[in-house]
Amino acid sequence: MIPLFHDFSESTVLVVGGGSVGARKARRFAREARTVVVSPEFTDASFGDAELVRAAPDREAIEDWLERVEPALVVAATDDEELNGAVADAARDRGILVNRADRAGRDRGEGSVVVPATVREDPVIVAIATGGAAPALSKDLRRELEEEIEGAGAMAEFLGEFRTELKARGVAPDRRRELVGDAVASPAVWTGLRTGAPNDRQVIEDVLDRLEGGGESG
């Protein structure tokens, strides 16, 4: 499977199933997309900002829900394997991406989507998947990576401003790439960003003074 990042900001995600798994999936997607959850009953767990529709999504009703909601992604998250299969089949027939929560990545049919474990430090996102073979390993790696990428979000934002500043100063592309690479490799820059440097503008000036003066190469 090829890992991709998909923009769901203008899309709808349909979750079929109101149990704990459906709630977890709804919370995940409701942060990024309009999310509709269809189920005859709902667990007490939070569904985030998802819309909850109390209805029995039997086999006959699935097609109607797909036509009504027009989702970009369907999540089959009931405790009924046969119903999950019907949801997945109906979605694939319409060319809609589908995630079967009861298959944990083993369902590799056309249109299949695996939702990986993720570590976020916006705008940096790291995704982890084991093909459904070892979910516990994904969770363990996620915990480790949360520590490893500390400060990566601030670094990404800083580098965006740094590149803009270098371009504005007329620095040649090759030299810009070299300076950006040196900044990424600089322990001083990482330390400053992780400890809350005064502001990016001051950090940029300090980095330029250091790197262009030859005081640090990473």
Protein backbone atom coordinates (compact mmCIF):
# COMPACT_ATOMS: atom_id res chain seq x y z
CA MET A 1 0.00 0.00 0.00
CA ILE A 2 1.20 3.53 -0.78
CA PRO A 3 0.94 6.06 2.08
CA LEU A 4 -0.76 9.30 1.04
CA PHE A 5 -2.04 12.40 2.84
CA HIS A 6 -5.56 13.23 1.72
CA ASP A 7 -7.29 16.61 2.15
CA PHE A 8 -10.82 15.98 3.48
CA SER A 9 -11.54 19.61 4.38
CA GLU A 10 -14.31 19.96 1.77
CA SER A 11 -15.45 16.34 1.92
CA THR A 12 -17.78 14.13 3.92
CA VAL A 13 -16.83 10.96 5.77
CA LEU A 14 -19.59 8.44 6.50
CA VAL A 15 -19.06 6.19 9.52
CA VAL A 16 -21.40 3.23 9.80
CA GLY A 17 -21.46 2.03 13.41
CA GLY A 18 -21.92 3.80 16.73
CA GLY A 19 -19.81 1.68 19.05
CA SER A 20 -16.44 2.52 20.57
CA VAL A 21 -14.62 1.91 17.29
CA GLY A 22 -17.06 4.10 15.37
CA ALA A 23 -16.63 6.82 18.00
CA ARG A 24 -12.84 6.69 17.70
CA LYS A 25 -12.99 6.88 13.92
CA ALA A 26 -15.52 9.73 14.07
CA ARG A 27 -13.36 11.77 16.44
CA ARG A 28 -10.39 11.28 14.12
CA PHE A 29 -12.15 12.43 10.96
CA ALA A 30 -14.41 15.09 12.48
CA ARG A 31 -11.33 17.26 13.08
CA GLU A 32 -10.75 17.46 9.33
CA ALA A 33 -14.05 16.81 7.55
CA ARG A 34 -17.81 16.80 7.84
CA THR A 35 -18.41 13.44 9.48
CA VAL A 36 -21.74 11.63 9.65
CA VAL A 37 -22.23 8.60 11.88
CA VAL A 38 -25.18 6.28 11.21
CA SER A 39 -26.17 3.73 13.83
CA PRO A 40 -29.29 2.50 15.67
CA GLU A 41 -27.47 3.05 18.98
CA PHE A 42 -24.49 5.10 20.16
CA THR A 43 -21.95 4.38 22.86
CA ASP A 44 -21.37 6.92 25.62
CA ALA A 45 -17.93 7.73 24.19
CA SER A 46 -17.37 11.10 22.50
CA PHE A 47 -17.91 11.35 18.76
CA GLY A 48 -16.28 14.77 18.53
CA ASP A 49 -18.09 17.16 16.20
CA ALA A 50 -19.60 14.38 14.09
CA GLU A 51 -23.28 14.41 13.15
CA LEU A 52 -25.08 11.45 14.73
CA VAL A 53 -28.01 9.92 12.84
CA ARG A 54 -30.02 7.27 14.65
CA ALA A 55 -30.96 4.75 11.96
CA ALA A 56 -30.49 1.07 11.21
CA PRO A 57 -27.95 0.86 8.35
CA ASP A 58 -29.12 -2.51 7.02
CA ARG A 59 -28.03 -3.83 3.64
CA GLU A 60 -30.99 -2.27 1.84
CA ALA A 61 -30.36 1.17 3.32
CA ILE A 62 -26.64 1.38 2.56
CA GLU A 63 -27.06 2.49 -1.05
CA ASP A 64 -29.50 5.19 0.05
CA TRP A 65 -27.03 6.57 2.59
CA LEU A 66 -24.22 6.67 0.05
CA GLU A 67 -26.41 8.59 -2.36
CA ARG A 68 -27.70 10.93 0.34
CA VAL A 69 -24.35 11.81 1.94
CA GLU A 70 -22.03 11.47 -1.09
CA PRO A 71 -19.00 10.63 1.06
CA ALA A 72 -15.38 10.70 -0.05
CA LEU A 73 -14.66 7.93 2.44
CA VAL A 74 -16.84 5.30 4.12
CA VAL A 75 -15.81 3.67 7.40
CA ALA A 76 -17.42 0.30 8.12
CA ALA A 77 -17.24 0.11 11.93
CA THR A 78 -20.10 -2.09 13.09
CA ASP A 79 -19.70 -5.32 15.08
CA ASP A 80 -21.37 -7.23 12.23
CA GLU A 81 -18.78 -8.58 9.78
CA GLU A 82 -21.40 -9.31 7.13
CA LEU A 83 -22.79 -5.78 7.34
CA ASN A 84 -19.29 -4.29 7.21
CA GLY A 85 -18.68 -6.33 4.07
CA ALA A 86 -21.89 -5.03 2.49
CA VAL A 87 -20.90 -1.44 3.32
CA ALA A 88 -17.45 -1.96 1.80
CA ASP A 89 -18.85 -3.61 -1.34
CA ALA A 90 -21.41 -0.84 -1.88
CA ALA A 91 -18.73 1.84 -1.45
CA ARG A 92 -16.34 0.16 -3.89
CA ASP A 93 -19.11 -0.25 -6.46
CA ARG A 94 -19.43 3.54 -6.42
CA GLY A 95 -15.67 4.16 -6.50
CA ILE A 96 -15.67 5.45 -2.91
CA LEU A 97 -12.70 4.90 -0.61
CA VAL A 98 -13.51 2.52 2.24
CA ASN A 99 -11.93 1.65 5.57
CA ARG A 100 -13.04 -1.59 7.23
CA ALA A 101 -12.33 -1.18 10.91
CA ASP A 102 -12.74 -4.92 11.52
CA ARG A 103 -10.00 -5.91 9.06
CA ALA A 104 -7.16 -3.71 10.39
CA GLY A 105 -5.42 -3.40 7.04
CA ARG A 106 -5.87 -6.97 5.86
CA ASP A 107 -8.68 -6.02 3.52
CA ARG A 108 -6.70 -5.12 0.41
CA GLY A 109 -9.52 -4.91 -2.09
CA GLU A 110 -9.89 -2.06 -4.52
CA GLY A 111 -10.49 1.26 -2.78
CA SER A 112 -9.24 -0.01 0.59
CA VAL A 113 -7.83 2.56 3.02
CA VAL A 114 -5.87 1.96 6.21
CA VAL A 115 -5.94 4.70 8.83
CA PRO A 116 -2.44 4.78 10.34
CA ALA A 117 -1.29 5.78 13.78
CA THR A 118 -0.09 9.38 13.59
CA VAL A 119 2.19 11.74 15.44
CA ARG A 120 1.41 15.42 14.89
CA GLU A 121 3.36 18.53 15.60
CA ASP A 122 1.73 20.77 13.02
CA PRO A 123 2.59 21.25 10.28
CA VAL A 124 4.67 18.06 10.66
CA ILE A 125 2.75 14.77 10.56
CA VAL A 126 4.30 11.31 10.82
CA ALA A 127 2.19 8.26 9.91
CA ILE A 128 2.89 4.69 11.06
CA ALA A 129 1.33 1.47 9.80
CA THR A 130 2.19 -2.22 10.06
CA GLY A 131 -0.24 -3.56 7.47
CA GLY A 132 -2.50 -4.75 10.27
CA ALA A 133 0.15 -7.21 11.49
CA ALA A 134 1.09 -5.46 14.73
CA PRO A 135 -1.12 -2.57 15.95
CA ALA A 136 0.70 -2.67 19.31
CA LEU A 137 3.97 -1.90 17.51
CA SER A 138 2.37 1.12 15.82
CA LYS A 139 1.33 2.46 19.22
CA ASP A 140 4.80 1.90 20.67
CA LEU A 141 6.53 3.58 17.74
CA ARG A 142 4.11 6.49 18.01
CA ARG A 143 5.11 7.07 21.64
CA GLU A 144 8.79 7.03 20.71
CA LEU A 145 8.33 9.38 17.78
CA GLU A 146 6.41 11.89 19.89
CA GLU A 147 9.69 12.51 21.75
CA GLU A 148 11.88 12.32 18.67
CA ILE A 149 10.08 15.01 16.68
CA GLU A 150 9.72 17.52 19.51
CA GLY A 151 10.27 20.94 17.98
CA ALA A 152 9.77 19.72 14.40
CA GLY A 153 6.65 21.83 13.92
CA ALA A 154 8.45 24.98 15.00
CA MET A 155 11.40 24.03 12.80
CA ALA A 156 9.17 23.58 9.74
CA GLU A 157 7.56 26.98 10.24
CA PHE A 158 10.94 28.59 10.87
CA LEU A 159 12.42 27.08 7.70
CA GLY A 160 9.52 28.41 5.65
CA GLU A 161 10.24 31.93 6.87
CA PHE A 162 13.98 31.38 6.55
CA ARG A 163 13.70 30.36 2.88
CA THR A 164 11.47 33.38 2.17
CA GLU A 165 14.01 35.69 3.79
CA LEU A 166 16.91 34.19 1.85
CA LYS A 167 15.00 34.56 -1.40
CA ALA A 168 14.13 38.17 -0.59
CA ARG A 169 17.83 38.89 -0.02
CA GLY A 170 18.63 37.53 -3.47
CA VAL A 171 20.55 34.49 -2.23
CA ALA A 172 21.18 32.07 -5.11
CA PRO A 173 19.10 28.83 -5.08
CA ASP A 174 22.11 26.55 -4.49
CA ARG A 175 23.26 28.68 -1.58
CA ARG A 176 19.71 28.83 -0.20
CA ARG A 177 19.53 25.03 -0.16
CA GLU A 178 22.91 24.87 1.54
CA LEU A 179 21.95 27.36 4.24
CA VAL A 180 18.59 25.69 4.87
CA GLY A 181 20.33 22.32 5.17
CA ASP A 182 22.82 23.80 7.62
CA ALA A 183 19.98 25.28 9.67
CA VAL A 184 18.22 21.91 9.88
CA ALA A 185 21.47 20.29 11.06
CA SER A 186 22.23 23.02 13.59
CA PRO A 187 21.86 21.95 17.25
CA ALA A 188 21.74 25.64 18.22
CA VAL A 189 18.70 26.27 16.02
CA TRP A 190 16.88 23.20 17.35
CA THR A 191 17.65 24.20 20.93
CA GLY A 192 16.46 27.74 20.36
CA LEU A 193 13.17 26.61 18.83
CA ARG A 194 12.52 23.91 21.44
CA THR A 195 13.17 26.26 24.35
CA GLY A 196 11.05 29.08 22.99
CA ALA A 197 13.34 31.51 21.18
CA PRO A 198 12.28 35.22 21.36
CA ASN A 199 10.97 35.28 17.78
CA ASP A 200 11.66 33.74 14.40
CA ARG A 201 13.02 37.00 12.99
CA GLN A 202 15.75 37.12 15.64
CA VAL A 203 16.53 33.44 15.12
CA ILE A 204 16.83 34.03 11.37
CA GLU A 205 19.25 36.90 11.87
CA ASP A 206 21.30 34.86 14.35
CA VAL A 207 21.43 31.88 12.00
CA LEU A 208 22.48 34.04 9.05
CA ASP A 209 25.21 35.67 11.11
CA ARG A 210 26.48 32.28 12.25
CA LEU A 211 26.19 30.35 8.99
CA GLU A 212 27.28 33.06 6.57
CA GLY A 213 30.13 33.96 8.90
CA GLY A 214 31.29 30.35 8.91
CA GLY A 215 30.83 30.02 12.65
CA GLU A 216 28.76 26.81 12.38
CA SER A 217 28.14 24.34 9.60
CA GLY A 218 25.91 21.93 11.49
